[in-house]
Protein backbone atom coordinates (compact mmCIF):
# COMPACT_ATOMS: atom_id res chain seq x y z
CA MET A 1 93.80 161.84 151.37
CA ASN A 2 91.78 162.26 154.54
CA ASP A 3 88.56 162.74 152.55
CA SER A 4 88.99 159.47 150.66
CA GLY A 5 89.50 157.62 153.96
CA THR A 6 86.33 159.13 155.36
CA LEU A 7 84.42 158.30 152.18
CA PHE A 8 85.67 154.71 152.31
CA PHE A 9 84.60 154.37 155.94
CA VAL A 10 81.13 155.80 155.25
CA LEU A 11 80.67 153.49 152.26
CA MET A 12 81.77 150.43 154.24
CA ALA A 13 79.54 151.37 157.18
CA GLY A 14 76.60 151.86 154.81
CA LEU A 15 77.26 148.50 153.16
CA ALA A 16 77.47 146.78 156.56
CA ALA A 17 74.19 148.39 157.67
CA THR A 18 72.46 147.36 154.44
CA MET A 19 73.72 143.77 154.75
CA THR A 20 72.50 143.67 158.35
CA LEU A 21 69.05 144.95 157.43
CA VAL A 22 68.74 142.33 154.68
CA TYR A 23 70.53 139.35 156.22
CA PHE A 24 68.95 139.10 159.68
CA PRO A 25 65.27 139.25 158.65
CA LEU A 26 65.98 136.82 155.80
CA ARG A 27 67.85 134.44 158.10
CA PHE A 28 65.08 134.64 160.71
CA PHE A 29 62.40 133.94 158.08
CA LEU A 30 64.27 130.97 156.59
CA THR A 31 64.93 129.49 160.03
CA ALA A 32 61.29 129.87 161.07
CA THR A 33 59.98 128.25 157.88
CA ALA A 34 62.46 125.38 158.12
CA ARG A 35 61.42 124.71 161.72
CA SER A 36 57.73 124.74 160.86
CA ARG A 37 58.33 122.37 157.93
CA ARG A 38 60.29 120.02 160.18
CA LEU A 39 57.56 120.15 162.83
CA ARG A 40 54.85 119.34 160.29
CA LEU A 41 56.91 116.43 158.97
CA LEU A 42 57.42 115.04 162.49
CA GLN A 43 53.70 115.33 163.21
CA ARG A 44 52.92 113.51 159.98
CA ILE A 45 55.36 110.73 160.87
CA ARG A 46 53.79 110.37 164.33
CA ARG A 47 50.31 110.15 162.80
CA LEU A 48 51.44 107.49 160.33
CA ARG A 49 53.17 105.54 163.08
CA ASP A 50 50.00 105.67 165.20
CA GLU A 51 47.91 104.51 162.24
CA LEU A 52 50.27 101.64 161.52
CA GLY A 53 50.22 100.56 165.16
CA GLN A 54 46.44 100.16 165.19
CA PRO A 55 44.87 96.93 163.97
CA ILE A 56 43.30 97.03 160.51
CA ASP A 57 39.49 97.04 160.52
CA THR A 58 38.06 94.54 158.03
């Protein structure tokens, strides 16, 4: 009975370590790409707003 408890603990610890090694880099990557996309969109909006604020050259 003691061996099955140890095996269960080792399996759960291994699963937790694997999830940590996969989840955190993936979460960091997705957060970084979302922020860069949002920043590019905001810069594009600012540029468009600046262009619209200038008089049209005819």
